[in-house]
PDB file of N, CA and C in Angstrom:
ATOM      1  N   MET A   1      -4.266 -22.256 -26.505  1.00  0.00           N
ATOM      2  CA  MET A   1      -4.582 -20.771 -26.080  1.00  0.00           C
ATOM      3  C   MET A   1      -3.824 -20.433 -25.051  1.00  0.00           C
ATOM      4  N   LYS A   2      -3.283 -19.308 -24.870  1.00  0.00           N
ATOM      5  CA  LYS A   2      -2.590 -18.396 -24.046  1.00  0.00           C
ATOM      6  C   LYS A   2      -3.253 -17.609 -23.238  1.00  0.00           C
ATOM      7  N   THR A   3      -3.167 -17.988 -21.739  1.00  0.00           N
ATOM      8  CA  THR A   3      -4.161 -17.360 -20.954  1.00  0.00           C
ATOM      9  C   THR A   3      -3.285 -16.303 -20.165  1.00  0.00           C
ATOM     10  N   THR A   4      -3.789 -15.094 -20.004  1.00  0.00           N
ATOM     11  CA  THR A   4      -3.009 -14.142 -19.433  1.00  0.00           C
ATOM     12  C   THR A   4      -4.032 -13.401 -18.520  1.00  0.00           C
ATOM     13  N   MET A   5      -3.370 -12.551 -17.241  1.00  0.00           N
ATOM     14  CA  MET A   5      -4.067 -12.000 -16.411  1.00  0.00           C
ATOM     15  C   MET A   5      -3.510 -10.793 -16.182  1.00  0.00           C
ATOM     16  N   ARG A   6      -4.223  -9.833 -15.783  1.00  0.00           N
ATOM     17  CA  ARG A   6      -3.892  -8.319 -15.443  1.00  0.00           C
ATOM     18  C   ARG A   6      -3.742  -8.277 -13.858  1.00  0.00           C
ATOM     19  N   LEU A   7      -2.455  -7.865 -13.514  1.00  0.00           N
ATOM     20  CA  LEU A   7      -1.743  -7.699 -12.306  1.00  0.00           C
ATOM     21  C   LEU A   7      -1.397  -6.201 -12.063  1.00  0.00           C
ATOM     22  N   VAL A   8      -2.282  -5.766 -11.040  1.00  0.00           N
ATOM     23  CA  VAL A   8      -2.050  -4.180 -10.444  1.00  0.00           C
ATOM     24  C   VAL A   8      -1.398  -4.323  -9.255  1.00  0.00           C
ATOM     25  N   ILE A   9      -0.047  -3.639  -9.300  1.00  0.00           N
ATOM     26  CA  ILE A   9       0.619  -3.687  -7.858  1.00  0.00           C
ATOM     27  C   ILE A   9       1.027  -2.035  -7.608  1.00  0.00           C
ATOM     28  N   ASP A  10       0.820  -1.740  -6.355  1.00  0.00           N
ATOM     29  CA  ASP A  10       1.314  -0.469  -5.915  1.00  0.00           C
ATOM     30  C   ASP A  10       2.215  -0.737  -5.113  1.00  0.00           C
ATOM     31  N   VAL A  11       3.324  -0.078  -5.333  1.00  0.00           N
ATOM     32  CA  VAL A  11       4.585  -0.055  -4.794  1.00  0.00           C
ATOM     33  C   VAL A  11       5.251   0.929  -4.441  1.00  0.00           C
ATOM     34  N   ASP A  12       6.208   1.196  -3.400  1.00  0.00           N
ATOM     35  CA  ASP A  12       6.846   2.606  -3.157  1.00  0.00           C
ATOM     36  C   ASP A  12       7.716   2.773  -4.234  1.00  0.00           C
ATOM     37  N   ARG A  13       7.947   3.904  -4.494  1.00  0.00           N
ATOM     38  CA  ARG A  13       8.980   4.335  -5.401  1.00  0.00           C
ATOM     39  C   ARG A  13      10.205   3.713  -5.429  1.00  0.00           C
ATOM     40  N   GLN A  14      10.839   3.405  -4.265  1.00  0.00           N
ATOM     41  CA  GLN A  14      12.010   2.615  -4.240  1.00  0.00           C
ATOM     42  C   GLN A  14      12.294   1.156  -4.771  1.00  0.00           C
ATOM     43  N   TYR A  15      10.721   0.585  -5.033  1.00  0.00           N
ATOM     44  CA  TYR A  15      10.972  -0.709  -5.685  1.00  0.00           C
ATOM     45  C   TYR A  15      10.571  -0.632  -7.050  1.00  0.00           C
ATOM     46  N   LYS A  16      10.401   0.298  -7.517  1.00  0.00           N
ATOM     47  CA  LYS A  16      10.195   0.299  -9.030  1.00  0.00           C
ATOM     48  C   LYS A  16      11.119  -0.598  -9.957  1.00  0.00           C
ATOM     49  N   LYS A  17      12.190  -0.346  -9.847  1.00  0.00           N
ATOM     50  CA  LYS A  17      13.411  -0.841 -10.618  1.00  0.00           C
ATOM     51  C   LYS A  17      13.286  -2.442 -10.101  1.00  0.00           C
ATOM     52  N   LEU A  18      13.281  -2.839  -9.044  1.00  0.00           N
ATOM     53  CA  LEU A  18      13.010  -4.275  -8.799  1.00  0.00           C
ATOM     54  C   LEU A  18      11.810  -4.981  -9.429  1.00  0.00           C
ATOM     55  N   PHE A  19      10.629  -4.170  -9.569  1.00  0.00           N
ATOM     56  CA  PHE A  19       9.734  -4.948 -10.223  1.00  0.00           C
ATOM     57  C   PHE A  19       9.415  -4.854 -11.626  1.00  0.00           C
ATOM     58  N   MET A  20      10.334  -3.925 -12.189  1.00  0.00           N
ATOM     59  CA  MET A  20      10.566  -3.731 -13.665  1.00  0.00           C
ATOM     60  C   MET A  20      11.480  -5.103 -13.963  1.00  0.00           C
ATOM     61  N   GLU A  21      12.492  -5.321 -13.267  1.00  0.00           N
ATOM     62  CA  GLU A  21      13.324  -6.318 -13.389  1.00  0.00           C
ATOM     63  C   GLU A  21      12.651  -7.846 -13.440  1.00  0.00           C
ATOM     64  N   VAL A  22      12.024  -7.928 -12.489  1.00  0.00           N
ATOM     65  CA  VAL A  22      11.237  -9.198 -12.367  1.00  0.00           C
ATOM     66  C   VAL A  22      10.030  -9.400 -13.726  1.00  0.00           C
ATOM     67  N   ALA A  23       9.486  -8.296 -13.799  1.00  0.00           N
ATOM     68  CA  ALA A  23       8.458  -8.307 -15.352  1.00  0.00           C
ATOM     69  C   ALA A  23       9.372  -8.506 -16.590  1.00  0.00           C
ATOM     70  N   LYS A  24      10.702  -7.940 -16.404  1.00  0.00           N
ATOM     71  CA  LYS A  24      11.399  -8.370 -17.827  1.00  0.00           C
ATOM     72  C   LYS A  24      11.765  -9.729 -17.706  1.00  0.00           C
ATOM     73  N   VAL A  25      12.161 -10.328 -16.622  1.00  0.00           N
ATOM     74  CA  VAL A  25      12.560 -11.808 -16.504  1.00  0.00           C
ATOM     75  C   VAL A  25      11.005 -12.499 -16.955  1.00  0.00           C
ATOM     76  N   ALA A  26      10.070 -12.223 -16.299  1.00  0.00           N
ATOM     77  CA  ALA A  26       8.770 -12.849 -16.668  1.00  0.00           C
ATOM     78  C   ALA A  26       8.224 -12.484 -18.147  1.00  0.00           C
ATOM     79  N   LYS A  27       8.740 -11.845 -18.915  1.00  0.00           N
ATOM     80  CA  LYS A  27       8.674 -11.405 -20.261  1.00  0.00           C
ATOM     81  C   LYS A  27       7.125 -10.906 -20.079  1.00  0.00           C
ATOM     82  N   ALA A  28       6.819 -10.029 -19.140  1.00  0.00           N
ATOM     83  CA  ALA A  28       5.659  -9.501 -18.897  1.00  0.00           C
ATOM     84  C   ALA A  28       5.488  -8.124 -19.532  1.00  0.00           C
ATOM     85  N   LYS A  29       4.288  -7.818 -20.139  1.00  0.00           N
ATOM     86  CA  LYS A  29       3.772  -6.595 -20.758  1.00  0.00           C
ATOM     87  C   LYS A  29       3.614  -5.644 -19.634  1.00  0.00           C
ATOM     88  N   VAL A  30       4.410  -4.489 -19.506  1.00  0.00           N
ATOM     89  CA  VAL A  30       4.258  -3.754 -18.329  1.00  0.00           C
ATOM     90  C   VAL A  30       3.817  -2.179 -18.671  1.00  0.00           C
ATOM     91  N   GLN A  31       2.878  -1.907 -17.919  1.00  0.00           N
ATOM     92  CA  GLN A  31       2.234  -0.624 -17.968  1.00  0.00           C
ATOM     93  C   GLN A  31       2.391   0.156 -16.843  1.00  0.00           C
ATOM     94  N   VAL A  32       3.249   1.143 -16.646  1.00  0.00           N
ATOM     95  CA  VAL A  32       3.538   1.995 -15.495  1.00  0.00           C
ATOM     96  C   VAL A  32       2.778   3.380 -15.595  1.00  0.00           C
ATOM     97  N   GLU A  33       2.044   3.290 -14.451  1.00  0.00           N
ATOM     98  CA  GLU A  33       1.272   4.679 -14.134  1.00  0.00           C
ATOM     99  C   GLU A  33       1.746   5.108 -12.837  1.00  0.00           C
ATOM    100  N   GLU A  34       2.499   6.126 -12.768  1.00  0.00           N
ATOM    101  CA  GLU A  34       3.190   6.759 -11.643  1.00  0.00           C
ATOM    102  C   GLU A  34       2.413   7.935 -10.929  1.00  0.00           C
ATOM    103  N   HIS A  35       1.708   7.499  -9.923  1.00  0.00           N
ATOM    104  CA  HIS A  35       0.835   8.230  -9.174  1.00  0.00           C
ATOM    105  C   HIS A  35       1.347   8.165  -7.819  1.00  0.00           C
ATOM    106  N   TYR A  36       1.941   9.190  -7.135  1.00  0.00           N
ATOM    107  CA  TYR A  36       2.288   9.028  -5.846  1.00  0.00           C
ATOM    108  C   TYR A  36       1.178   9.623  -4.776  1.00  0.00           C
ATOM    109  N   LEU A  37       1.092   9.156  -4.179  1.00  0.00           N
ATOM    110  CA  LEU A  37       0.095   9.784  -2.997  1.00  0.00           C
ATOM    111  C   LEU A  37       0.988  10.656  -2.149  1.00  0.00           C
ATOM    112  N   THR A  38       0.177  11.912  -1.708  1.00  0.00           N
ATOM    113  CA  THR A  38       0.783  12.843  -0.640  1.00  0.00           C
ATOM    114  C   THR A  38       0.736  11.970   0.909  1.00  0.00           C
ATOM    115  N   GLU A  39       1.427  12.567   1.742  1.00  0.00           N
ATOM    116  CA  GLU A  39       1.211  11.963   3.218  1.00  0.00           C
ATOM    117  C   GLU A  39      -0.184  12.235   3.545  1.00  0.00           C
ATOM    118  N   ASP A  40      -1.021  13.272   3.113  1.00  0.00           N
ATOM    119  CA  ASP A  40      -2.168  13.417   3.328  1.00  0.00           C
ATOM    120  C   ASP A  40      -3.039  12.388   2.826  1.00  0.00           C
ATOM    121  N   GLU A  41      -2.826  12.332   1.469  1.00  0.00           N
ATOM    122  CA  GLU A  41      -3.826  11.195   0.734  1.00  0.00           C
ATOM    123  C   GLU A  41      -3.530   9.921   1.441  1.00  0.00           C
ATOM    124  N   GLU A  42      -2.116   9.453   1.786  1.00  0.00           N
ATOM    125  CA  GLU A  42      -1.969   8.315   2.554  1.00  0.00           C
ATOM    126  C   GLU A  42      -2.898   8.133   3.848  1.00  0.00           C
ATOM    127  N   ASP A  43      -2.982   9.137   4.527  1.00  0.00           N
ATOM    128  CA  ASP A  43      -3.565   9.261   5.867  1.00  0.00           C
ATOM    129  C   ASP A  43      -5.023   8.901   5.614  1.00  0.00           C
ATOM    130  N   LYS A  44      -5.437   9.780   4.701  1.00  0.00           N
ATOM    131  CA  LYS A  44      -6.885   9.654   4.352  1.00  0.00           C
ATOM    132  C   LYS A  44      -7.444   8.122   3.777  1.00  0.00           C
ATOM    133  N   ALA A  45      -6.660   7.573   2.906  1.00  0.00           N
ATOM    134  CA  ALA A  45      -6.784   6.189   2.725  1.00  0.00           C
ATOM    135  C   ALA A  45      -6.503   5.232   3.664  1.00  0.00           C
ATOM    136  N   LEU A  46      -5.640   5.537   4.363  1.00  0.00           N
ATOM    137  CA  LEU A  46      -5.287   4.457   5.734  1.00  0.00           C
ATOM    138  C   LEU A  46      -6.548   4.542   6.762  1.00  0.00           C
ATOM    139  N   PHE A  47      -7.050   5.929   7.041  1.00  0.00           N
ATOM    140  CA  PHE A  47      -8.500   6.015   7.800  1.00  0.00           C
ATOM    141  C   PHE A  47      -9.353   5.447   7.142  1.00  0.00           C
ATOM    142  N   HIS A  48      -9.882   5.571   5.981  1.00  0.00           N
ATOM    143  CA  HIS A  48     -10.853   4.874   5.236  1.00  0.00           C
ATOM    144  C   HIS A  48     -10.784   3.377   5.381  1.00  0.00           C
ATOM    145  N   LEU A  49      -9.687   2.872   5.399  1.00  0.00           N
ATOM    146  CA  LEU A  49      -9.659   1.451   5.317  1.00  0.00           C
ATOM    147  C   LEU A  49      -9.902   1.133   6.683  1.00  0.00           C
ATOM    148  N   MET A  50      -9.289   1.726   7.616  1.00  0.00           N
ATOM    149  CA  MET A  50      -9.582   1.312   9.086  1.00  0.00           C
ATOM    150  C   MET A  50     -11.011   1.535   9.521  1.00  0.00           C
ATOM    151  N   GLU A  51     -11.924   2.544   8.867  1.00  0.00           N
ATOM    152  CA  GLU A  51     -13.282   2.721   9.183  1.00  0.00           C
ATOM    153  C   GLU A  51     -13.967   1.487   8.433  1.00  0.00           C
ATOM    154  N   GLU A  52     -13.595   0.946   7.213  1.00  0.00           N
ATOM    155  CA  GLU A  52     -14.076  -0.243   6.457  1.00  0.00           C
ATOM    156  C   GLU A  52     -13.910  -1.252   7.493  1.00  0.00           C
ATOM    157  N   GLY A  53     -12.789  -1.411   8.018  1.00  0.00           N
ATOM    158  CA  GLY A  53     -12.527  -2.597   8.841  1.00  0.00           C
ATOM    159  C   GLY A  53     -13.187  -2.795  10.142  1.00  0.00           C
ATOM    160  N   LYS A  54     -13.560  -1.475  10.789  1.00  0.00           N
ATOM    161  CA  LYS A  54     -14.462  -1.423  11.601  1.00  0.00           C
ATOM    162  C   LYS A  54     -15.964  -1.990  11.439  1.00  0.00           C
ATOM    163  N   LYS A  55     -16.386  -1.763  10.271  1.00  0.00           N
ATOM    164  CA  LYS A  55     -17.431  -2.043   9.774  1.00  0.00           C
ATOM    165  C   LYS A  55     -17.790  -3.766   9.776  1.00  0.00           C
ATOM    166  N   GLU A  56     -16.671  -4.290   9.342  1.00  0.00           N
ATOM    167  CA  GLU A  56     -16.472  -5.566   9.077  1.00  0.00           C
ATOM    168  C   GLU A  56     -16.177  -6.356  10.551  1.00  0.00           C
ATOM    169  N   GLY A  57     -16.029  -5.656  11.555  1.00  0.00           N
ATOM    170  CA  GLY A  57     -15.703  -6.293  12.710  1.00  0.00           C
ATOM    171  C   GLY A  57     -14.452  -7.061  13.035  1.00  0.00           C
ATOM    172  N   LYS A  58     -13.474  -6.872  12.040  1.00  0.00           N
ATOM    173  CA  LYS A  58     -12.278  -7.856  12.048  1.00  0.00           C
ATOM    174  C   LYS A  58     -11.246  -7.578  13.101  1.00  0.00           C
ATOM    175  N   LEU A  59     -11.301  -6.357  13.456  1.00  0.00           N
ATOM    176  CA  LEU A  59     -10.235  -6.142  14.578  1.00  0.00           C
ATOM    177  C   LEU A  59     -11.195  -5.864  15.948  1.00  0.00           C
ATOM    178  N   SER A  60     -10.301  -6.294  17.030  1.00  0.00           N
ATOM    179  CA  SER A  60     -10.906  -6.004  18.363  1.00  0.00           C
ATOM    180  C   SER A  60     -10.708  -4.432  18.839  1.00  0.00           C
ATOM    181  N   ASP A  61     -11.126  -3.969  19.460  1.00  0.00           N
ATOM    182  CA  ASP A  61     -10.977  -2.649  20.163  1.00  0.00           C
ATOM    183  C   ASP A  61      -9.407  -2.419  20.436  1.00  0.00           C
ATOM    184  N   ALA A  62      -8.831  -3.572  21.063  1.00  0.00           N
ATOM    185  CA  ALA A  62      -7.311  -3.396  21.577  1.00  0.00           C
ATOM    186  C   ALA A  62      -6.896  -3.411  20.183  1.00  0.00           C
ATOM    187  N   GLU A  63      -7.103  -4.501  19.115  1.00  0.00           N
ATOM    188  CA  GLU A  63      -6.280  -4.189  17.863  1.00  0.00           C
ATOM    189  C   GLU A  63      -6.264  -3.120  16.968  1.00  0.00           C
ATOM    190  N   GLN A  64      -7.356  -2.408  17.060  1.00  0.00           N
ATOM    191  CA  GLN A  64      -7.562  -1.218  16.567  1.00  0.00           C
ATOM    192  C   GLN A  64      -6.770  -0.354  17.222  1.00  0.00           C
ATOM    193  N   THR A  65      -6.551   0.016  18.410  1.00  0.00           N
ATOM    194  CA  THR A  65      -5.846   0.999  19.265  1.00  0.00           C
ATOM    195  C   THR A  65      -4.314   0.523  18.798  1.00  0.00           C
ATOM    196  N   ASN A  66      -4.093  -0.562  18.893  1.00  0.00           N
ATOM    197  CA  ASN A  66      -2.552  -1.130  18.414  1.00  0.00           C
ATOM    198  C   ASN A  66      -2.315  -0.514  17.195  1.00  0.00           C
ATOM    199  N   LEU A  67      -3.275  -0.775  15.971  1.00  0.00           N
ATOM    200  CA  LEU A  67      -2.842  -0.154  14.763  1.00  0.00           C
ATOM    201  C   LEU A  67      -2.784   0.987  14.612  1.00  0.00           C
ATOM    202  N   ARG A  68      -3.758   2.025  15.237  1.00  0.00           N
ATOM    203  CA  ARG A  68      -3.597   3.542  15.103  1.00  0.00           C
ATOM    204  C   ARG A  68      -2.126   3.813  16.097  1.00  0.00           C
ATOM    205  N   ASN A  69      -1.916   3.148  17.115  1.00  0.00           N
ATOM    206  CA  ASN A  69      -0.529   3.656  17.708  1.00  0.00           C
ATOM    207  C   ASN A  69       0.687   3.432  16.899  1.00  0.00           C
ATOM    208  N   TRP A  70       0.373   2.236  16.391  1.00  0.00           N
ATOM    209  CA  TRP A  70       1.598   1.795  15.241  1.00  0.00           C
ATOM    210  C   TRP A  70       1.657   2.827  14.209  1.00  0.00           C
ATOM    211  N   LEU A  71       0.738   2.752  13.535  1.00  0.00           N
ATOM    212  CA  LEU A  71       0.887   4.003  12.473  1.00  0.00           C
ATOM    213  C   LEU A  71       1.140   5.265  12.964  1.00  0.00           C
ATOM    214  N   PHE A  72       0.703   6.124  14.088  1.00  0.00           N
ATOM    215  CA  PHE A  72       1.081   7.203  14.616  1.00  0.00           C
ATOM    216  C   PHE A  72       2.760   7.177  14.803  1.00  0.00           C
ATOM    217  N   VAL A  73       3.261   6.089  15.456  1.00  0.00           N
ATOM    218  CA  VAL A  73       4.550   6.144  15.660  1.00  0.00           C
ATOM    219  C   VAL A  73       5.458   5.946  14.153  1.00  0.00           C
ATOM    220  N   GLU A  74       5.048   5.170  13.384  1.00  0.00           N
ATOM    221  CA  GLU A  74       5.652   5.163  12.178  1.00  0.00           C
ATOM    222  C   GLU A  74       5.737   6.386  11.320  1.00  0.00           C
ATOM    223  N   ARG A  75       4.591   6.875  11.310  1.00  0.00           N
ATOM    224  CA  ARG A  75       4.337   8.499  10.793  1.00  0.00           C
ATOM    225  C   ARG A  75       5.467   9.279  11.296  1.00  0.00           C
ATOM    226  N   HIS A  76       5.452   9.300  12.658  1.00  0.00           N
ATOM    227  CA  HIS A  76       6.380  10.375  13.306  1.00  0.00           C
ATOM    228  C   HIS A  76       7.921   9.772  13.124  1.00  0.00           C
ATOM    229  N   LYS A  77       8.114   8.501  12.999  1.00  0.00           N
ATOM    230  CA  LYS A  77       9.400   8.306  12.471  1.00  0.00           C
ATOM    231  C   LYS A  77       9.773   8.694  11.181  1.00  0.00           C
ATOM    232  N   LYS A  78       8.932   8.483  10.439  1.00  0.00           N
ATOM    233  CA  LYS A  78       9.342   8.929   8.887  1.00  0.00           C
ATOM    234  C   LYS A  78       9.590  10.396   8.667  1.00  0.00           C
ATOM    235  N   ASN A  79       8.996  11.072   9.651  1.00  0.00           N
ATOM    236  CA  ASN A  79       8.946  12.650   9.625  1.00  0.00           C
ATOM    237  C   ASN A  79      10.121  13.084  10.769  1.00  0.00           C
ATOM    238  N   GLY A  80      10.956  12.278  11.156  1.00  0.00           N
ATOM    239  CA  GLY A  80      11.951  12.303  12.349  1.00  0.00           C
ATOM    240  C   GLY A  80      11.649  13.054  13.505  1.00  0.00           C
ATOM    241  N   ALA A  81      10.362  12.891  13.720  1.00  0.00           N
ATOM    242  CA  ALA A  81      10.117  13.647  15.144  1.00  0.00           C
ATOM    243  C   ALA A  81      10.071  12.591  16.087  1.00  0.00           C
TER     244      ALA A  81
END
């Protein structure tokens, strides 16, 4: 009996071709659903994940601050600011 699994991968648009080639080599059945988040949607999702992380107590206050600073810097690099 053949056992299969469903694998959901969220990747940047630039990696789509790479993953399609990997799927081809693996003879995997592929279903592509292209939904790209706006920057605002990304920010909201990251904020939500950070808030959930706070509830879990996984990051110290210093680690949370470092993550926020890193996200802020990376976002401004992407925007060319």
